[in-house]
């Protein structure tokens, strides 16, 4: 007989295991954890601020936006979505 996969509603279901991590993502996560930088401002983390400045220039160039455009980096998808909705709302109300 064919073996059946356990049901997610059964007593032996402990959670899904979905894929593995990409090596570059694992390395980035490791560096983030190892450095433990508080990159909130230029005085606390000048190296992180320099990386943000370069990345911002690259993004503006990639998207062919004016160099004086403002760029902000957030710490996750929820804050990114909130920021985009707030910016769009501001533009609509203007």
PDB file of N, CA and C in Angstrom:
ATOM      1  N   UNK A   1       0.827  -1.186   0.000  1.00  0.00           N
ATOM      2  CA  UNK A   1       0.000   0.000   0.000  1.00  0.00           C
ATOM      3  C   UNK A   1       0.872   1.250   0.000  1.00  0.00           C
ATOM      4  N   UNK A   2       0.295   2.352  -0.509  1.00  0.00           N
ATOM      5  CA  UNK A   2       1.008   3.631  -0.550  1.00  0.00           C
ATOM      6  C   UNK A   2       1.001   4.296   0.822  1.00  0.00           C
ATOM      7  N   UNK A   3       2.110   4.929   1.152  1.00  0.00           N
ATOM      8  CA  UNK A   3       2.192   5.655   2.424  1.00  0.00           C
ATOM      9  C   UNK A   3       1.472   6.987   2.287  1.00  0.00           C
ATOM     10  N   UNK A   4       0.780   7.358   3.327  1.00  0.00           N
ATOM     11  CA  UNK A   4       0.068   8.638   3.323  1.00  0.00           C
ATOM     12  C   UNK A   4       0.848   9.682   4.107  1.00  0.00           C
ATOM     13  N   UNK A   5       0.831  10.911   3.600  1.00  0.00           N
ATOM     14  CA  UNK A   5       1.457  12.012   4.330  1.00  0.00           C
ATOM     15  C   UNK A   5       0.581  12.356   5.531  1.00  0.00           C
ATOM     16  N   UNK A   6       1.186  12.714   6.656  1.00  0.00           N
ATOM     17  CA  UNK A   6       0.376  13.056   7.825  1.00  0.00           C
ATOM     18  C   UNK A   6      -0.461  14.301   7.567  1.00  0.00           C
ATOM     19  N   UNK A   7      -1.640  14.293   8.075  1.00  0.00           N
ATOM     20  CA  UNK A   7      -2.548  15.420   7.932  1.00  0.00           C
ATOM     21  C   UNK A   7      -2.138  16.532   8.891  1.00  0.00           C
ATOM     22  N   UNK A   8      -2.334  17.786   8.475  1.00  0.00           N
ATOM     23  CA  UNK A   8      -1.974  18.890   9.362  1.00  0.00           C
ATOM     24  C   UNK A   8      -2.944  19.021  10.528  1.00  0.00           C
ATOM     25  N   UNK A   9      -4.041  18.282  10.491  1.00  0.00           N
ATOM     26  CA  UNK A   9      -4.962  18.314  11.625  1.00  0.00           C
ATOM     27  C   UNK A   9      -4.776  17.093  12.535  1.00  0.00           C
ATOM     28  N   UNK A  10      -3.849  16.220  12.178  1.00  0.00           N
ATOM     29  CA  UNK A  10      -3.610  15.013  12.969  1.00  0.00           C
ATOM     30  C   UNK A  10      -2.722  15.265  14.174  1.00  0.00           C
ATOM     31  N   UNK A  11      -2.669  14.322  15.099  1.00  0.00           N
ATOM     32  CA  UNK A  11      -1.902  14.501  16.338  1.00  0.00           C
ATOM     33  C   UNK A  11      -0.388  14.457  16.135  1.00  0.00           C
ATOM     34  N   UNK A  12       0.086  13.932  14.993  1.00  0.00           N
ATOM     35  CA  UNK A  12       1.533  13.848  14.774  1.00  0.00           C
ATOM     36  C   UNK A  12       2.058  14.953  13.878  1.00  0.00           C
ATOM     37  N   UNK A  13       1.271  15.997  13.639  1.00  0.00           N
ATOM     38  CA  UNK A  13       1.709  17.130  12.821  1.00  0.00           C
ATOM     39  C   UNK A  13       2.324  18.180  13.738  1.00  0.00           C
ATOM     40  N   UNK A  14       3.591  18.505  13.489  1.00  0.00           N
ATOM     41  CA  UNK A  14       4.300  19.459  14.346  1.00  0.00           C
ATOM     42  C   UNK A  14       4.649  20.750  13.632  1.00  0.00           C
ATOM     43  N   UNK A  15       4.379  20.875  12.358  1.00  0.00           N
ATOM     44  CA  UNK A  15       4.664  22.102  11.607  1.00  0.00           C
ATOM     45  C   UNK A  15       5.269  21.800  10.255  1.00  0.00           C
ATOM     46  N   UNK A  16       5.187  22.781   9.385  1.00  0.00           N
ATOM     47  CA  UNK A  16       5.743  22.638   8.041  1.00  0.00           C
ATOM     48  C   UNK A  16       7.226  22.961   8.044  1.00  0.00           C
ATOM     49  N   UNK A  17       7.993  22.270   7.229  1.00  0.00           N
ATOM     50  CA  UNK A  17       9.387  22.611   6.968  1.00  0.00           C
ATOM     51  C   UNK A  17       9.445  22.991   5.499  1.00  0.00           C
ATOM     52  N   UNK A  18       9.685  24.270   5.243  1.00  0.00           N
ATOM     53  CA  UNK A  18       9.615  24.760   3.864  1.00  0.00           C
ATOM     54  C   UNK A  18      10.992  25.199   3.415  1.00  0.00           C
ATOM     55  N   UNK A  19      11.586  24.404   2.561  1.00  0.00           N
ATOM     56  CA  UNK A  19      12.837  24.756   1.907  1.00  0.00           C
ATOM     57  C   UNK A  19      13.988  25.058   2.854  1.00  0.00           C
ATOM     58  N   UNK A  20      15.104  25.374   2.255  1.00  0.00           N
ATOM     59  CA  UNK A  20      16.283  25.754   3.012  1.00  0.00           C
ATOM     60  C   UNK A  20      16.599  27.211   2.740  1.00  0.00           C
ATOM     61  N   UNK A  21      17.498  27.754   3.514  1.00  0.00           N
ATOM     62  CA  UNK A  21      17.896  29.143   3.329  1.00  0.00           C
ATOM     63  C   UNK A  21      18.963  29.235   2.255  1.00  0.00           C
ATOM     64  N   UNK A  22      18.944  30.347   1.544  1.00  0.00           N
ATOM     65  CA  UNK A  22      19.969  30.603   0.534  1.00  0.00           C
ATOM     66  C   UNK A  22      21.259  30.975   1.264  1.00  0.00           C
ATOM     67  N   UNK A  23      22.404  30.485   0.804  1.00  0.00           N
ATOM     68  CA  UNK A  23      23.662  30.757   1.503  1.00  0.00           C
ATOM     69  C   UNK A  23      23.947  32.246   1.721  1.00  0.00           C
ATOM     70  N   UNK A  24      23.609  33.090   0.750  1.00  0.00           N
ATOM     71  CA  UNK A  24      23.855  34.524   0.918  1.00  0.00           C
ATOM     72  C   UNK A  24      22.977  35.096   2.028  1.00  0.00           C
ATOM     73  N   UNK A  25      21.730  34.624   2.108  1.00  0.00           N
ATOM     74  CA  UNK A  25      20.847  35.078   3.178  1.00  0.00           C
ATOM     75  C   UNK A  25      21.339  34.645   4.547  1.00  0.00           C
ATOM     76  N   UNK A  26      21.847  33.424   4.622  1.00  0.00           N
ATOM     77  CA  UNK A  26      22.399  32.929   5.884  1.00  0.00           C
ATOM     78  C   UNK A  26      23.618  33.768   6.287  1.00  0.00           C
ATOM     79  N   UNK A  27      24.480  34.082   5.307  1.00  0.00           N
ATOM     80  CA  UNK A  27      25.670  34.891   5.598  1.00  0.00           C
ATOM     81  C   UNK A  27      25.273  36.291   6.060  1.00  0.00           C
ATOM     82  N   UNK A  28      24.292  36.895   5.406  1.00  0.00           N
ATOM     83  CA  UNK A  28      23.838  38.228   5.805  1.00  0.00           C
ATOM     84  C   UNK A  28      23.243  38.201   7.206  1.00  0.00           C
ATOM     85  N   UNK A  29      22.470  37.177   7.504  1.00  0.00           N
ATOM     86  CA  UNK A  29      21.888  37.047   8.838  1.00  0.00           C
ATOM     87  C   UNK A  29      22.980  36.862   9.888  1.00  0.00           C
ATOM     88  N   UNK A  30      23.985  36.071   9.556  1.00  0.00           N
ATOM     89  CA  UNK A  30      25.093  35.853  10.477  1.00  0.00           C
ATOM     90  C   UNK A  30      25.832  37.165  10.754  1.00  0.00           C
ATOM     91  N   UNK A  31      26.124  37.927   9.691  1.00  0.00           N
ATOM     92  CA  UNK A  31      26.835  39.195   9.876  1.00  0.00           C
ATOM     93  C   UNK A  31      26.010  40.178  10.704  1.00  0.00           C
ATOM     94  N   UNK A  32      24.709  40.217  10.433  1.00  0.00           N
ATOM     95  CA  UNK A  32      23.826  41.102  11.200  1.00  0.00           C
ATOM     96  C   UNK A  32      23.860  40.739  12.677  1.00  0.00           C
ATOM     97  N   UNK A  33      23.770  39.456  12.956  1.00  0.00           N
ATOM     98  CA  UNK A  33      23.793  39.009  14.358  1.00  0.00           C
ATOM     99  C   UNK A  33      25.156  39.247  14.998  1.00  0.00           C
ATOM    100  N   UNK A  34      26.231  38.988  14.265  1.00  0.00           N
ATOM    101  CA  UNK A  34      27.578  39.122  14.822  1.00  0.00           C
ATOM    102  C   UNK A  34      27.933  40.577  15.095  1.00  0.00           C
ATOM    103  N   UNK A  35      27.595  41.464  14.182  1.00  0.00           N
ATOM    104  CA  UNK A  35      27.938  42.870  14.361  1.00  0.00           C
ATOM    105  C   UNK A  35      27.038  43.539  15.386  1.00  0.00           C
ATOM    106  N   UNK A  36      25.752  43.179  15.374  1.00  0.00           N
ATOM    107  CA  UNK A  36      24.811  43.735  16.338  1.00  0.00           C
ATOM    108  C   UNK A  36      24.775  45.256  16.347  1.00  0.00           C
ATOM    109  N   UNK A  37      24.910  45.878  15.210  1.00  0.00           N
ATOM    110  CA  UNK A  37      24.953  47.335  15.122  1.00  0.00           C
ATOM    111  C   UNK A  37      23.590  47.969  15.369  1.00  0.00           C
ATOM    112  N   UNK A  38      23.579  49.058  16.110  1.00  0.00           N
ATOM    113  CA  UNK A  38      22.412  49.912  16.210  1.00  0.00           C
ATOM    114  C   UNK A  38      22.623  50.982  15.146  1.00  0.00           C
ATOM    115  N   UNK A  39      22.016  50.770  14.002  1.00  0.00           N
ATOM    116  CA  UNK A  39      22.254  51.649  12.857  1.00  0.00           C
ATOM    117  C   UNK A  39      21.239  52.780  12.800  1.00  0.00           C
ATOM    118  N   UNK A  40      20.816  53.257  13.960  1.00  0.00           N
ATOM    119  CA  UNK A  40      19.792  54.293  14.008  1.00  0.00           C
ATOM    120  C   UNK A  40      20.268  55.666  13.579  1.00  0.00           C
ATOM    121  N   UNK A  41      21.548  55.949  13.702  1.00  0.00           N
ATOM    122  CA  UNK A  41      22.046  57.258  13.273  1.00  0.00           C
ATOM    123  C   UNK A  41      23.506  57.170  12.863  1.00  0.00           C
ATOM    124  N   UNK A  42      23.995  58.259  12.269  1.00  0.00           N
ATOM    125  CA  UNK A  42      25.365  58.271  11.736  1.00  0.00           C
ATOM    126  C   UNK A  42      26.417  58.223  12.838  1.00  0.00           C
ATOM    127  N   UNK A  43      26.129  58.820  13.991  1.00  0.00           N
ATOM    128  CA  UNK A  43      27.123  58.843  15.068  1.00  0.00           C
ATOM    129  C   UNK A  43      27.320  57.461  15.686  1.00  0.00           C
ATOM    130  N   UNK A  44      26.230  56.689  15.824  1.00  0.00           N
ATOM    131  CA  UNK A  44      26.319  55.380  16.465  1.00  0.00           C
ATOM    132  C   UNK A  44      26.928  54.322  15.558  1.00  0.00           C
ATOM    133  N   UNK A  45      26.680  54.435  14.266  1.00  0.00           N
ATOM    134  CA  UNK A  45      27.150  53.406  13.334  1.00  0.00           C
ATOM    135  C   UNK A  45      27.558  54.039  12.003  1.00  0.00           C
ATOM    136  N   UNK A  46      28.731  54.662  11.949  1.00  0.00           N
ATOM    137  CA  UNK A  46      29.143  55.328  10.712  1.00  0.00           C
ATOM    138  C   UNK A  46      29.292  54.375   9.522  1.00  0.00           C
ATOM    139  N   UNK A  47      29.712  53.140   9.767  1.00  0.00           N
ATOM    140  CA  UNK A  47      29.853  52.183   8.659  1.00  0.00           C
ATOM    141  C   UNK A  47      28.488  51.835   8.072  1.00  0.00           C
ATOM    142  N   UNK A  48      27.502  51.586   8.941  1.00  0.00           N
ATOM    143  CA  UNK A  48      26.154  51.283   8.463  1.00  0.00           C
ATOM    144  C   UNK A  48      25.564  52.482   7.730  1.00  0.00           C
ATOM    145  N   UNK A  49      25.837  53.683   8.218  1.00  0.00           N
ATOM    146  CA  UNK A  49      25.346  54.889   7.561  1.00  0.00           C
ATOM    147  C   UNK A  49      25.962  55.030   6.174  1.00  0.00           C
ATOM    148  N   UNK A  50      27.243  54.706   6.042  1.00  0.00           N
ATOM    149  CA  UNK A  50      27.910  54.784   4.740  1.00  0.00           C
ATOM    150  C   UNK A  50      27.309  53.778   3.764  1.00  0.00           C
ATOM    151  N   UNK A  51      27.029  52.572   4.247  1.00  0.00           N
ATOM    152  CA  UNK A  51      26.406  51.549   3.398  1.00  0.00           C
ATOM    153  C   UNK A  51      25.022  52.011   2.949  1.00  0.00           C
ATOM    154  N   UNK A  52      24.248  52.593   3.862  1.00  0.00           N
ATOM    155  CA  UNK A  52      22.918  53.098   3.501  1.00  0.00           C
ATOM    156  C   UNK A  52      23.009  54.192   2.455  1.00  0.00           C
ATOM    157  N   UNK A  53      23.979  55.078   2.594  1.00  0.00           N
ATOM    158  CA  UNK A  53      24.150  56.174   1.639  1.00  0.00           C
ATOM    159  C   UNK A  53      24.453  55.638   0.248  1.00  0.00           C
ATOM    160  N   UNK A  54      25.360  54.681   0.166  1.00  0.00           N
ATOM    161  CA  UNK A  54      25.712  54.084  -1.128  1.00  0.00           C
ATOM    162  C   UNK A  54      24.523  53.337  -1.719  1.00  0.00           C
ATOM    163  N   UNK A  55      23.833  52.542  -0.900  1.00  0.00           N
ATOM    164  CA  UNK A  55      22.667  51.788  -1.379  1.00  0.00           C
ATOM    165  C   UNK A  55      21.569  52.731  -1.853  1.00  0.00           C
ATOM    166  N   UNK A  56      21.379  53.841  -1.145  1.00  0.00           N
ATOM    167  CA  UNK A  56      20.367  54.821  -1.558  1.00  0.00           C
ATOM    168  C   UNK A  56      20.714  55.410  -2.923  1.00  0.00           C
ATOM    169  N   UNK A  57      21.971  55.737  -3.131  1.00  0.00           N
ATOM    170  CA  UNK A  57      22.399  56.270  -4.447  1.00  0.00           C
ATOM    171  C   UNK A  57      22.170  55.246  -5.541  1.00  0.00           C
ATOM    172  N   UNK A  58      22.500  53.991  -5.261  1.00  0.00           N
ATOM    173  CA  UNK A  58      22.284  52.926  -6.253  1.00  0.00           C
ATOM    174  C   UNK A  58      20.802  52.798  -6.606  1.00  0.00           C
ATOM    175  N   UNK A  59      19.938  52.811  -5.582  1.00  0.00           N
ATOM    176  CA  UNK A  59      18.502  52.672  -5.834  1.00  0.00           C
ATOM    177  C   UNK A  59      17.965  53.836  -6.669  1.00  0.00           C
ATOM    178  N   UNK A  60      18.372  55.050  -6.322  1.00  0.00           N
ATOM    179  CA  UNK A  60      17.906  56.210  -7.078  1.00  0.00           C
ATOM    180  C   UNK A  60      18.379  56.131  -8.532  1.00  0.00           C
ATOM    181  N   UNK A  61      19.612  55.704  -8.716  1.00  0.00           N
ATOM    182  CA  UNK A  61      20.142  55.553 -10.068  1.00  0.00           C
ATOM    183  C   UNK A  61      19.405  54.451 -10.822  1.00  0.00           C
ATOM    184  N   UNK A  62      19.171  53.325 -10.165  1.00  0.00           N
ATOM    185  CA  UNK A  62      18.477  52.194 -10.786  1.00  0.00           C
ATOM    186  C   UNK A  62      17.066  52.564 -11.214  1.00  0.00           C
ATOM    187  N   UNK A  63      16.379  53.349 -10.377  1.00  0.00           N
ATOM    188  CA  UNK A  63      14.996  53.724 -10.678  1.00  0.00           C
ATOM    189  C   UNK A  63      14.894  55.036 -11.453  1.00  0.00           C
ATOM    190  N   UNK A  64      16.058  55.582 -11.827  1.00  0.00           N
ATOM    191  CA  UNK A  64      16.126  56.822 -12.611  1.00  0.00           C
ATOM    192  C   UNK A  64      15.332  57.946 -11.938  1.00  0.00           C
ATOM    193  N   UNK A  65      15.564  58.106 -10.652  1.00  0.00           N
ATOM    194  CA  UNK A  65      14.912  59.158  -9.874  1.00  0.00           C
ATOM    195  C   UNK A  65      15.915  60.267  -9.605  1.00  0.00           C
ATOM    196  N   UNK A  66      15.429  61.481  -9.339  1.00  0.00           N
ATOM    197  CA  UNK A  66      16.349  62.595  -9.062  1.00  0.00           C
ATOM    198  C   UNK A  66      17.255  62.292  -7.866  1.00  0.00           C
ATOM    199  N   UNK A  67      18.491  62.747  -7.950  1.00  0.00           N
ATOM    200  CA  UNK A  67      19.471  62.479  -6.889  1.00  0.00           C
ATOM    201  C   UNK A  67      19.058  63.090  -5.554  1.00  0.00           C
ATOM    202  N   UNK A  68      18.238  64.146  -5.574  1.00  0.00           N
ATOM    203  CA  UNK A  68      17.817  64.787  -4.329  1.00  0.00           C
ATOM    204  C   UNK A  68      16.611  64.104  -3.684  1.00  0.00           C
ATOM    205  N   UNK A  69      16.143  63.002  -4.277  1.00  0.00           N
ATOM    206  CA  UNK A  69      15.021  62.250  -3.705  1.00  0.00           C
ATOM    207  C   UNK A  69      15.407  61.686  -2.343  1.00  0.00           C
ATOM    208  N   UNK A  70      14.417  61.545  -1.486  1.00  0.00           N
ATOM    209  CA  UNK A  70      14.643  60.998  -0.152  1.00  0.00           C
ATOM    210  C   UNK A  70      14.521  59.481  -0.197  1.00  0.00           C
ATOM    211  N   UNK A  71      15.379  58.798   0.541  1.00  0.00           N
ATOM    212  CA  UNK A  71      15.357  57.335   0.622  1.00  0.00           C
ATOM    213  C   UNK A  71      15.360  56.953   2.096  1.00  0.00           C
ATOM    214  N   UNK A  72      14.542  55.971   2.441  1.00  0.00           N
ATOM    215  CA  UNK A  72      14.524  55.489   3.806  1.00  0.00           C
ATOM    216  C   UNK A  72      14.533  53.977   3.834  1.00  0.00           C
ATOM    217  N   UNK A  73      15.308  53.407   4.735  1.00  0.00           N
ATOM    218  CA  UNK A  73      15.365  51.964   4.898  1.00  0.00           C
ATOM    219  C   UNK A  73      14.656  51.599   6.193  1.00  0.00           C
ATOM    220  N   UNK A  74      13.823  50.580   6.139  1.00  0.00           N
ATOM    221  CA  UNK A  74      13.075  50.148   7.317  1.00  0.00           C
ATOM    222  C   UNK A  74      13.491  48.733   7.693  1.00  0.00           C
ATOM    223  N   UNK A  75      12.996  48.261   8.833  1.00  0.00           N
ATOM    224  CA  UNK A  75      13.471  46.977   9.339  1.00  0.00           C
ATOM    225  C   UNK A  75      12.591  45.789   9.017  1.00  0.00           C
ATOM    226  N   UNK A  76      11.558  45.949   8.204  1.00  0.00           N
ATOM    227  CA  UNK A  76      10.737  44.792   7.876  1.00  0.00           C
ATOM    228  C   UNK A  76       9.600  45.139   6.946  1.00  0.00           C
ATOM    229  N   UNK A  77       8.888  44.111   6.506  1.00  0.00           N
ATOM    230  CA  UNK A  77       7.820  44.280   5.528  1.00  0.00           C
ATOM    231  C   UNK A  77       6.655  45.078   6.078  1.00  0.00           C
ATOM    232  N   UNK A  78       6.327  44.902   7.350  1.00  0.00           N
ATOM    233  CA  UNK A  78       5.193  45.617   7.923  1.00  0.00           C
ATOM    234  C   UNK A  78       5.449  47.120   7.937  1.00  0.00           C
ATOM    235  N   UNK A  79       6.626  47.515   8.388  1.00  0.00           N
ATOM    236  CA  UNK A  79       6.966  48.938   8.417  1.00  0.00           C
ATOM    237  C   UNK A  79       7.100  49.479   6.998  1.00  0.00           C
ATOM    238  N   UNK A  80       7.610  48.673   6.082  1.00  0.00           N
ATOM    239  CA  UNK A  80       7.718  49.106   4.691  1.00  0.00           C
ATOM    240  C   UNK A  80       6.337  49.373   4.100  1.00  0.00           C
ATOM    241  N   UNK A  81       5.403  48.461   4.313  1.00  0.00           N
ATOM    242  CA  UNK A  81       4.043  48.664   3.811  1.00  0.00           C
ATOM    243  C   UNK A  81       3.405  49.891   4.437  1.00  0.00           C
ATOM    244  N   UNK A  82       3.560  50.056   5.749  1.00  0.00           N
ATOM    245  CA  UNK A  82       2.997  51.216   6.442  1.00  0.00           C
ATOM    246  C   UNK A  82       3.574  52.515   5.887  1.00  0.00           C
ATOM    247  N   UNK A  83       4.882  52.543   5.669  1.00  0.00           N
ATOM    248  CA  UNK A  83       5.543  53.739   5.148  1.00  0.00           C
ATOM    249  C   UNK A  83       5.043  54.078   3.752  1.00  0.00           C
ATOM    250  N   UNK A  84       4.905  53.064   2.904  1.00  0.00           N
ATOM    251  CA  UNK A  84       4.423  53.300   1.542  1.00  0.00           C
ATOM    252  C   UNK A  84       2.980  53.803   1.536  1.00  0.00           C
ATOM    253  N   UNK A  85       2.146  53.234   2.397  1.00  0.00           N
ATOM    254  CA  UNK A  85       0.749  53.689   2.479  1.00  0.00           C
ATOM    255  C   UNK A  85       0.697  55.128   2.986  1.00  0.00           C
ATOM    256  N   UNK A  86       1.516  55.452   3.973  1.00  0.00           N
ATOM    257  CA  UNK A  86       1.545  56.824   4.499  1.00  0.00           C
ATOM    258  C   UNK A  86       2.030  57.803   3.433  1.00  0.00           C
ATOM    259  N   UNK A  87       3.051  57.427   2.670  1.00  0.00           N
ATOM    260  CA  UNK A  87       3.557  58.305   1.612  1.00  0.00           C
ATOM    261  C   UNK A  87       2.501  58.488   0.518  1.00  0.00           C
ATOM    262  N   UNK A  88       1.830  57.417   0.134  1.00  0.00           N
ATOM    263  CA  UNK A  88       0.782  57.505  -0.887  1.00  0.00           C
ATOM    264  C   UNK A  88      -0.374  58.368  -0.392  1.00  0.00           C
ATOM    265  N   UNK A  89      -0.757  58.206   0.862  1.00  0.00           N
ATOM    266  CA  UNK A  89      -1.828  59.012   1.443  1.00  0.00           C
ATOM    267  C   UNK A  89      -1.455  60.486   1.423  1.00  0.00           C
ATOM    268  N   UNK A  90      -0.225  60.774   1.806  1.00  0.00           N
ATOM    269  CA  UNK A  90       0.246  62.159   1.784  1.00  0.00           C
ATOM    270  C   UNK A  90       0.188  62.766   0.388  1.00  0.00           C
ATOM    271  N   UNK A  91       0.556  61.979  -0.599  1.00  0.00           N
ATOM    272  CA  UNK A  91       0.539  62.455  -1.991  1.00  0.00           C
ATOM    273  C   UNK A  91      -0.899  62.687  -2.459  1.00  0.00           C
ATOM    274  N   UNK A  92      -1.803  61.769  -2.134  1.00  0.00           N
ATOM    275  CA  UNK A  92      -3.218  61.911  -2.542  1.00  0.00           C
ATOM    276  C   UNK A  92      -3.833  63.142  -1.876  1.00  0.00           C
ATOM    277  N   UNK A  93      -3.562  63.334  -0.593  1.00  0.00           N
ATOM    278  CA  UNK A  93      -4.154  64.459   0.130  1.00  0.00           C
ATOM    279  C   UNK A  93      -3.537  65.804  -0.262  1.00  0.00           C
ATOM    280  N   UNK A  94      -2.324  65.782  -0.796  1.00  0.00           N
ATOM    281  CA  UNK A  94      -1.694  67.020  -1.236  1.00  0.00           C
ATOM    282  C   UNK A  94      -2.409  67.518  -2.457  1.00  0.00           C
TER     283      UNK A  94
END
